[in-house]
Amino acid sequence: MSEERVTLAMVKEAQERLKGVAQKTGLSYATSVSEVAGCDVWLKLENLQRTGSFKLRGAYNKVASLTPEEREKGVIAASAGNHAQGVALAASVYGCQSTICMPKHAPLMKVAATRGYGANVVLHGDFFDEAAAKAVELTEKYGYTFVHPFNDPQVIAGQGTISLEILEDIPDIDVIVAPIGGGGLISGLAVAAKNINPKIKVIGVQTANMPSMKESIEKGQILTVDGKASLADGITVKTPGDLTYEICQKYVDDIVTVDETEIAAAILWLIERVKTVAEGAGAVPVAALMNGKVSGIRNKKVAALVSGGNIDVNRMSRVINSGLLRSWRKVFFETVIPDQPGELVKLISIISNSNANILSITHERSQHNIGMGYTAVSCELETANEKHVETLFETLKDNHYHVTLK
């Protein structure tokens, strides 16, 4: 049984091993998130953990539990990036060789950071599962000790130390919300929390692009989901583990999903309103809370896990742009104006009088669907909110402009 393979005693033992290695991260009350979600939300800031992610906990606990003979063979892992850094750091502490298989499209900063901890990085496949298959192949070929990112009792126990910290700070917490990829994090959280207080609700959040654990639990069997890439690259896992599936089936109260625009908006909200940087996977609990995905939490005490902050700065601008578009603080539209002197100035004046800021504007006469004597105009505007955009578009319509959102 899963509860025998991962126990509260194992989680407490992991907490002892992690002393002086993993930090006890902050649990910060998030007023802005609480107001939107209708409950009291504290953010467990694992994005401030060493290596920038909770993954250090499970990886270090696993490497620490190996025999000297196992470590002598060298360790290998498969990861989208965060587990990779945790294993690489743990291996360096114990003076053993580490090889990490990562998806080809893993964020560049995660690849660089993993190499920086001394690991040999092998890029293979488009998703975690292909990288994991490569790691198994190399394990069989070279006799490495495989450190699984989620389907391992010692890894799960290490992640469960987060629940111990949450309950030390808020003993009467009602709900814990956490991301799910392969399920190692939420399994550890749930084993620890439920064995201390069975009344605590444990809610998992997946990206709608890869809801493998949710679909597996709903269908009553482990499924492989051929999903799509996501901003939450750290949780795009096609197939849950058998151990994590069993624990989630027993202990996790509900699993919800969030889409890409909701994830982008949550990342932007955390940057602007909470002053913290979260990667996509780290933002999904906040996305779920702010979009009403978690039921039965009105006026409850909720801990939301910001699981990591290792977002690629090259991706950051795209994420911010997506969040601005979703919150109607940036808008693109097209219209058609007569090709006559003064008409463009007239359009710009209406926009200016609305207090919208023009970021870019282009006009061209050569579009095939534009009649003779007219020109197409495309505008990128900085706006305040959805109401601001609605008011501007009504004004444009009153002035006989036909506006199309891009």
Protein backbone atom coordinates (compact mmCIF):
# COMPACT_ATOMS: atom_id res chain seq x y z
CA MET A 1 0.00 0.00 0.00
CA SER A 2 1.14 3.57 -0.73
CA GLU A 3 0.74 4.72 2.87
CA GLU A 4 3.25 2.05 3.91
CA ARG A 5 5.76 3.00 1.22
CA VAL A 6 5.61 6.70 2.15
CA THR A 7 4.92 7.48 5.80
CA LEU A 8 4.82 10.52 8.05
CA ALA A 9 7.88 9.09 9.82
CA MET A 10 9.77 9.11 6.51
CA VAL A 11 8.82 12.75 5.95
CA LYS A 12 10.07 13.68 9.42
CA GLU A 13 13.30 11.77 8.78
CA ALA A 14 13.71 13.72 5.52
CA GLN A 15 13.24 16.96 7.42
CA GLU A 16 16.21 16.03 9.63
CA ARG A 17 18.36 15.20 6.58
CA LEU A 18 17.51 18.52 4.97
CA LYS A 19 18.55 20.66 7.93
CA GLY A 20 21.28 23.02 6.78
CA VAL A 21 20.58 22.13 3.12
CA ALA A 22 17.03 23.21 2.28
CA GLN A 23 15.77 26.51 3.63
CA LYS A 24 12.53 26.84 5.54
CA THR A 25 10.82 29.09 3.01
CA GLY A 26 8.46 31.91 3.86
CA LEU A 27 4.69 31.63 4.15
CA SER A 28 3.47 35.05 3.07
CA TYR A 29 -0.10 36.35 3.36
CA ALA A 30 -1.23 37.52 -0.10
CA THR A 31 -3.84 40.23 0.37
CA SER A 32 -4.47 40.77 -3.34
CA VAL A 33 -4.94 37.06 -4.07
CA SER A 34 -7.14 36.65 -0.98
CA GLU A 35 -9.46 39.45 -2.08
CA VAL A 36 -9.99 37.90 -5.51
CA ALA A 37 -10.28 34.31 -4.25
CA GLY A 38 -12.61 35.10 -1.34
CA CYS A 39 -10.47 33.33 1.25
CA ASP A 40 -7.31 33.87 3.28
CA VAL A 41 -4.40 32.87 1.06
CA TRP A 42 -0.84 32.36 2.18
CA LEU A 43 1.83 31.70 -0.45
CA LYS A 44 4.44 29.08 0.38
CA LEU A 45 7.40 30.61 -1.44
CA GLU A 46 9.43 27.65 -2.67
CA ASN A 47 10.58 29.88 -5.53
CA LEU A 48 12.97 31.27 -2.90
CA GLN A 49 14.35 27.81 -2.12
CA ARG A 50 17.94 26.92 -3.04
CA THR A 51 18.04 26.12 -6.78
CA GLY A 52 14.82 28.15 -7.07
CA SER A 53 12.45 25.22 -6.55
CA PHE A 54 11.04 22.71 -4.06
CA LYS A 55 12.71 19.92 -6.04
CA LEU A 56 15.90 20.19 -4.00
CA ARG A 57 14.08 18.62 -1.06
CA GLY A 58 13.20 15.31 -2.68
CA ALA A 59 16.36 15.06 -4.79
CA TYR A 60 18.67 15.63 -1.84
CA ASN A 61 16.73 13.25 0.40
CA LYS A 62 17.03 10.52 -2.23
CA VAL A 63 20.76 11.00 -2.86
CA ALA A 64 21.39 11.18 0.90
CA SER A 65 19.59 7.87 1.38
CA LEU A 66 21.74 6.00 -1.19
CA THR A 67 24.52 3.66 -0.16
CA PRO A 68 28.13 4.70 -0.86
CA GLU A 69 28.22 1.96 -3.51
CA GLU A 70 25.17 3.39 -5.28
CA ARG A 71 26.61 6.90 -5.23
CA GLU A 72 29.94 5.56 -6.53
CA LYS A 73 28.18 4.43 -9.74
CA GLY A 74 27.03 8.01 -10.35
CA VAL A 75 23.44 9.20 -10.39
CA ILE A 76 21.18 9.96 -13.32
CA ALA A 77 17.85 11.76 -13.53
CA ALA A 78 15.31 13.00 -16.05
CA SER A 79 13.85 16.45 -15.57
CA ALA A 80 12.37 19.52 -17.23
CA GLY A 81 14.85 21.49 -15.14
CA ASN A 82 14.10 21.86 -11.45
CA HIS A 83 14.66 18.25 -10.36
CA ALA A 84 17.79 18.37 -12.51
CA GLN A 85 19.25 21.19 -10.43
CA GLY A 86 18.33 19.48 -7.17
CA VAL A 87 19.99 16.21 -8.18
CA ALA A 88 23.04 18.00 -9.55
CA LEU A 89 23.49 19.98 -6.32
CA ALA A 90 22.98 16.91 -4.11
CA ALA A 91 25.44 14.91 -6.19
CA SER A 92 28.04 17.65 -5.91
CA VAL A 93 27.62 17.74 -2.11
CA TYR A 94 28.27 13.98 -1.96
CA GLY A 95 31.06 14.11 -4.55
CA CYS A 96 29.43 11.82 -7.08
CA GLN A 97 28.96 12.14 -10.84
CA SER A 98 25.55 13.24 -12.13
CA THR A 99 23.96 12.93 -15.58
CA ILE A 100 20.70 14.71 -16.30
CA CYS A 101 18.41 14.03 -19.29
CA MET A 102 16.27 17.05 -20.14
CA PRO A 103 13.72 17.76 -22.90
CA LYS A 104 15.24 19.51 -25.91
CA HIS A 105 13.08 22.57 -25.30
CA ALA A 106 13.80 22.94 -21.58
CA PRO A 107 14.31 26.60 -20.63
CA LEU A 108 17.88 27.64 -21.37
CA MET A 109 18.44 29.06 -17.89
CA LYS A 110 17.51 25.68 -16.34
CA VAL A 111 19.95 23.88 -18.63
CA ALA A 112 22.71 26.37 -17.81
CA ALA A 113 22.01 26.20 -14.07
CA THR A 114 22.08 22.39 -14.10
CA ARG A 115 25.45 22.39 -15.84
CA GLY A 116 26.59 25.01 -13.35
CA TYR A 117 26.04 22.50 -10.53
CA GLY A 118 28.43 20.11 -12.27
CA ALA A 119 26.04 17.80 -14.13
CA ASN A 120 26.47 16.31 -17.58
CA VAL A 121 23.31 17.37 -19.44
CA VAL A 122 21.78 15.24 -22.21
CA LEU A 123 19.02 16.95 -24.21
CA HIS A 124 16.51 14.46 -25.63
CA GLY A 125 12.83 14.48 -26.68
CA ASP A 126 10.12 17.13 -26.63
CA PHE A 127 8.59 16.30 -23.23
CA PHE A 128 9.69 14.90 -19.89
CA ASP A 129 8.61 11.37 -20.76
CA GLU A 130 11.00 11.11 -23.72
CA ALA A 131 13.84 12.44 -21.58
CA ALA A 132 12.95 9.87 -18.90
CA ALA A 133 13.11 7.04 -21.44
CA LYS A 134 16.61 8.21 -22.41
CA ALA A 135 17.65 8.24 -18.76
CA VAL A 136 16.46 4.63 -18.35
CA GLU A 137 18.43 3.66 -21.46
CA LEU A 138 21.63 5.25 -20.09
CA THR A 139 21.05 3.67 -16.67
CA GLU A 140 20.94 0.22 -18.22
CA LYS A 141 24.00 0.96 -20.34
CA TYR A 142 26.28 2.46 -17.67
CA GLY A 143 24.86 1.21 -14.37
CA TYR A 144 23.98 4.64 -12.97
CA THR A 145 21.69 4.98 -9.96
CA PHE A 146 18.42 6.45 -11.20
CA VAL A 147 16.85 9.27 -9.16
CA HIS A 148 13.23 9.45 -10.28
CA PRO A 149 11.72 12.95 -10.17
CA PHE A 150 8.42 11.89 -8.61
CA ASN A 151 7.70 8.16 -8.43
CA ASP A 152 10.07 7.36 -5.58
CA PRO A 153 9.30 7.05 -1.84
CA GLN A 154 12.35 9.05 -0.69
CA VAL A 155 11.72 11.81 -3.23
CA ILE A 156 8.06 12.02 -2.17
CA ALA A 157 9.06 12.10 1.51
CA GLY A 158 11.43 14.98 0.83
CA GLN A 159 8.68 17.01 -0.83
CA GLY A 160 6.38 16.28 2.10
CA THR A 161 8.58 18.37 4.39
CA ILE A 162 6.80 21.43 2.93
CA SER A 163 3.58 20.37 4.68
CA LEU A 164 5.44 20.11 7.99
CA GLU A 165 6.63 23.70 7.56
CA ILE A 166 3.16 24.96 6.60
CA LEU A 167 1.62 23.32 9.68
CA GLU A 168 4.37 24.66 11.94
CA ASP A 169 3.40 28.19 10.86
CA ILE A 170 -0.39 27.76 10.49
CA PRO A 171 -1.53 24.68 12.47
CA ASP A 172 -5.20 25.28 11.57
CA ILE A 173 -4.72 25.53 7.80
CA ASP A 174 -7.85 24.33 5.97
CA VAL A 175 -6.65 23.79 2.40
CA ILE A 176 -3.35 23.19 0.62
CA VAL A 177 -3.26 23.89 -3.14
CA ALA A 178 -0.31 22.62 -5.17
CA PRO A 179 0.70 21.91 -8.77
CA ILE A 180 0.65 18.38 -10.18
CA GLY A 181 2.91 17.06 -12.92
CA GLY A 182 3.93 13.49 -12.15
CA GLY A 183 2.49 13.85 -8.66
CA GLY A 184 5.53 13.63 -6.37
CA LEU A 185 5.03 17.02 -4.75
CA ILE A 186 1.34 16.70 -3.98
CA SER A 187 1.81 13.10 -2.84
CA GLY A 188 4.35 14.14 -0.23
CA LEU A 189 2.24 17.12 0.84
CA ALA A 190 -0.86 14.95 1.15
CA VAL A 191 0.77 12.09 3.08
CA ALA A 192 2.20 14.51 5.64
CA ALA A 193 -0.84 16.80 5.94
CA LYS A 194 -3.51 14.09 6.04
CA ASN A 195 -1.64 12.01 8.62
CA ILE A 196 -1.35 15.05 10.89
CA ASN A 197 -4.88 16.37 10.27
CA PRO A 198 -7.21 14.32 8.01
CA LYS A 199 -9.59 17.32 7.73
CA ILE A 200 -7.12 19.34 5.64
CA LYS A 201 -8.22 19.49 2.00
CA VAL A 202 -5.47 18.88 -0.55
CA ILE A 203 -6.19 20.26 -4.02
CA GLY A 204 -4.05 19.64 -7.11
CA VAL A 205 -3.77 21.90 -10.14
CA GLN A 206 -2.70 20.81 -13.62
CA THR A 207 -2.29 22.61 -16.90
CA ALA A 208 -5.24 21.93 -19.22
CA ASN A 209 -2.63 21.17 -21.89
CA MET A 210 -1.45 18.06 -20.03
CA PRO A 211 -4.01 16.88 -17.42
CA SER A 212 -2.61 13.37 -17.05
CA MET A 213 -3.20 12.83 -13.32
CA LYS A 214 -6.68 14.34 -13.44
CA GLU A 215 -7.77 12.10 -16.31
CA SER A 216 -6.15 9.05 -14.72
CA ILE A 217 -7.98 9.59 -11.41
CA GLU A 218 -11.29 10.22 -13.20
CA LYS A 219 -10.93 7.05 -15.31
CA GLY A 220 -9.67 4.92 -12.43
CA GLN A 221 -6.46 3.85 -14.16
CA ILE A 222 -3.10 5.32 -15.11
CA LEU A 223 -3.38 6.95 -18.52
CA THR A 224 -0.87 8.48 -20.91
CA VAL A 225 -2.10 11.84 -22.18
CA ASP A 226 -0.63 13.10 -25.44
CA GLY A 227 -0.96 16.76 -24.55
CA LYS A 228 0.60 20.01 -25.68
CA ALA A 229 3.48 22.16 -24.53
CA SER A 230 2.69 24.65 -21.78
CA LEU A 231 4.00 27.72 -20.00
CA ALA A 232 3.98 25.37 -17.02
CA ASP A 233 6.76 23.24 -18.52
CA GLY A 234 7.65 21.79 -15.11
CA ILE A 235 4.33 19.90 -14.90
CA THR A 236 3.90 18.72 -18.51
CA VAL A 237 4.12 15.02 -17.66
CA LYS A 238 2.28 12.60 -19.94
CA THR A 239 2.07 9.64 -17.55
CA PRO A 240 1.74 9.75 -13.74
CA GLY A 241 3.71 7.30 -11.60
CA ASP A 242 2.03 4.23 -10.14
CA LEU A 243 3.02 5.24 -6.60
CA THR A 244 1.95 8.86 -7.00
CA TYR A 245 -1.29 7.79 -8.67
CA GLU A 246 -2.09 5.52 -5.73
CA ILE A 247 -1.36 8.25 -3.17
CA CYS A 248 -3.37 10.86 -5.09
CA GLN A 249 -6.27 8.45 -5.39
CA LYS A 250 -6.26 7.98 -1.60
CA TYR A 251 -5.43 11.45 -0.29
CA VAL A 252 -6.00 14.21 -2.87
CA ASP A 253 -9.48 15.71 -2.59
CA ASP A 254 -9.77 17.29 -6.04
CA ILE A 255 -7.75 18.10 -9.17
CA VAL A 256 -8.56 21.14 -11.30
CA THR A 257 -7.01 22.60 -14.45
CA VAL A 258 -6.02 26.06 -15.66
CA ASP A 259 -5.39 27.20 -19.22
CA GLU A 260 -2.44 29.07 -20.71
CA THR A 261 -3.95 32.55 -20.49
CA GLU A 262 -4.85 31.96 -16.83
CA ILE A 263 -1.28 30.84 -16.10
CA ALA A 264 0.20 33.89 -17.85
CA ALA A 265 -2.14 36.23 -15.98
CA ALA A 266 -1.18 34.63 -12.65
CA ILE A 267 2.54 35.03 -13.38
CA LEU A 268 1.97 38.71 -14.18
CA TRP A 269 -0.19 39.21 -11.06
CA LEU A 270 2.47 37.66 -8.83
CA ILE A 271 5.13 39.93 -10.33
CA GLU A 272 3.08 43.13 -10.10
CA ARG A 273 0.98 42.67 -6.99
CA VAL A 274 2.91 40.19 -4.86
CA LYS A 275 6.42 41.18 -6.00
CA THR A 276 7.53 37.60 -6.54
CA VAL A 277 8.64 35.74 -9.68
CA ALA A 278 7.04 32.37 -10.35
CA GLU A 279 7.58 30.02 -13.25
CA GLY A 280 4.49 28.63 -14.97
CA ALA A 281 4.18 25.55 -12.77
CA GLY A 282 4.64 27.70 -9.67
CA ALA A 283 1.82 30.02 -10.69
CA VAL A 284 -0.89 27.42 -11.37
CA PRO A 285 -2.24 27.29 -7.76
CA VAL A 286 -2.68 31.07 -7.80
CA ALA A 287 -4.28 30.85 -11.26
CA ALA A 288 -6.76 28.27 -9.95
CA LEU A 289 -7.65 30.35 -6.88
CA MET A 290 -8.06 33.59 -8.82
CA ASN A 291 -10.27 32.00 -11.48
CA GLY A 292 -12.68 30.28 -9.10
CA LYS A 293 -11.51 26.76 -9.93
CA VAL A 294 -11.30 25.58 -6.30
CA SER A 295 -14.68 25.13 -4.63
CA GLY A 296 -15.63 25.23 -0.94
CA ILE A 297 -12.90 27.63 0.17
CA ARG A 298 -14.93 30.72 1.04
CA ASN A 299 -13.40 32.34 4.15
CA LYS A 300 -11.07 29.34 4.62
CA LYS A 301 -7.34 29.42 5.37
CA VAL A 302 -5.53 28.34 2.22
CA ALA A 303 -1.84 27.67 1.57
CA ALA A 304 -0.93 27.93 -2.13
CA LEU A 305 2.42 26.53 -3.15
CA VAL A 306 4.54 28.74 -5.42
CA SER A 307 6.65 25.72 -6.28
CA GLY A 308 9.43 27.38 -8.28
CA GLY A 309 10.74 30.59 -9.82
CA ASN A 310 13.01 29.32 -12.57
CA ILE A 311 11.37 31.08 -15.49
CA ASP A 312 13.46 31.72 -18.60
CA VAL A 313 13.98 35.48 -18.96
CA ASN A 314 13.68 35.04 -22.73
CA ARG A 315 10.14 33.77 -22.16
CA MET A 316 9.28 36.41 -19.58
CA SER A 317 8.40 39.14 -22.08
CA ARG A 318 6.00 36.81 -23.92
CA VAL A 319 4.37 35.79 -20.65
CA ILE A 320 3.97 39.39 -19.53
CA ASN A 321 2.55 40.36 -22.92
CA SER A 322 0.02 37.53 -22.75
CA GLY A 323 -0.98 38.58 -19.24
CA LEU A 324 -1.41 42.21 -20.32
CA LEU A 325 -3.62 41.13 -23.21
CA ARG A 326 -5.78 38.95 -21.00
CA SER A 327 -6.28 41.74 -18.46
CA TRP A 328 -7.14 44.23 -21.26
CA ARG A 329 -4.15 46.40 -20.44
CA LYS A 330 -2.89 45.95 -23.96
CA VAL A 331 -5.09 45.64 -27.03
CA PHE A 332 -4.58 45.22 -30.79
CA PHE A 333 -7.25 46.29 -33.25
CA GLU A 334 -7.74 47.01 -36.94
CA THR A 335 -9.99 49.48 -38.70
CA VAL A 336 -10.37 51.10 -42.12
CA ILE A 337 -10.21 54.86 -42.79
CA PRO A 338 -10.62 56.97 -45.92
CA ASP A 339 -7.29 57.50 -47.68
CA GLN A 340 -7.44 61.26 -47.32
CA PRO A 341 -5.35 63.91 -45.53
CA GLY A 342 -6.31 64.33 -41.87
CA GLU A 343 -8.16 61.01 -41.45
CA LEU A 344 -5.32 59.30 -39.59
CA VAL A 345 -4.94 62.34 -37.33
CA LYS A 346 -8.67 62.19 -36.59
CA LEU A 347 -8.40 58.53 -35.53
CA ILE A 348 -5.33 59.21 -33.39
CA SER A 349 -7.10 62.14 -31.71
CA ILE A 350 -10.03 59.94 -30.66
CA ILE A 351 -7.63 57.38 -29.19
CA SER A 352 -5.60 60.09 -27.45
CA ASN A 353 -8.70 61.72 -25.97
CA SER A 354 -9.64 58.38 -24.44
CA ASN A 355 -6.33 58.34 -22.52
CA ALA A 356 -5.17 55.19 -24.30
CA ASN A 357 -1.47 55.17 -25.13
CA ILE A 358 -0.50 54.24 -28.71
CA LEU A 359 2.40 51.78 -28.64
CA SER A 360 2.48 51.25 -32.41
CA ILE A 361 0.37 52.16 -35.42
CA THR A 362 0.65 51.09 -39.07
CA HIS A 363 -1.46 51.74 -42.15
CA GLU A 364 -1.30 50.13 -45.56
CA ARG A 365 -3.26 50.49 -48.77
CA SER A 366 -2.25 47.22 -50.41
CA GLN A 367 -4.51 44.77 -48.55
CA HIS A 368 -6.61 42.90 -51.11
CA ASN A 369 -9.89 43.28 -49.20
CA ILE A 370 -9.57 47.08 -48.88
CA GLY A 371 -11.57 49.10 -51.39
CA MET A 372 -10.13 51.88 -53.52
CA GLY A 373 -9.79 55.12 -51.62
CA TYR A 374 -9.38 53.44 -48.22
CA THR A 375 -6.45 52.28 -46.09
CA ALA A 376 -6.21 49.68 -43.31
CA VAL A 377 -4.91 50.82 -39.91
CA SER A 378 -3.56 48.52 -37.19
CA CYS A 379 -3.08 49.83 -33.65
CA GLU A 380 -1.39 48.46 -30.54
CA LEU A 381 -2.63 50.32 -27.47
CA GLU A 382 -1.82 50.45 -23.78
CA THR A 383 -5.12 50.60 -21.88
CA ALA A 384 -6.31 50.53 -18.26
CA ASN A 385 -8.82 47.67 -18.21
CA GLU A 386 -11.69 46.01 -20.09
CA LYS A 387 -14.08 48.88 -19.34
CA HIS A 388 -11.59 51.36 -20.80
CA VAL A 389 -11.40 49.31 -24.01
CA GLU A 390 -15.20 48.99 -24.24
CA THR A 391 -15.62 52.77 -23.85
CA LEU A 392 -12.99 53.48 -26.52
CA PHE A 393 -14.55 51.04 -28.98
CA GLU A 394 -18.00 52.53 -28.41
CA THR A 395 -16.60 55.98 -29.17
CA LEU A 396 -14.95 54.68 -32.34
CA LYS A 397 -18.21 53.02 -33.39
CA ASP A 398 -20.10 56.27 -32.77
CA ASN A 399 -17.63 57.93 -35.14
CA HIS A 400 -18.37 55.33 -37.82
CA TYR A 401 -15.24 53.19 -37.45
CA HIS A 402 -15.62 49.44 -37.84
CA VAL A 403 -13.19 47.94 -35.29
CA THR A 404 -11.87 44.37 -35.33
CA LEU A 405 -9.86 42.94 -32.43
CA LYS A 406 -6.71 41.14 -33.47
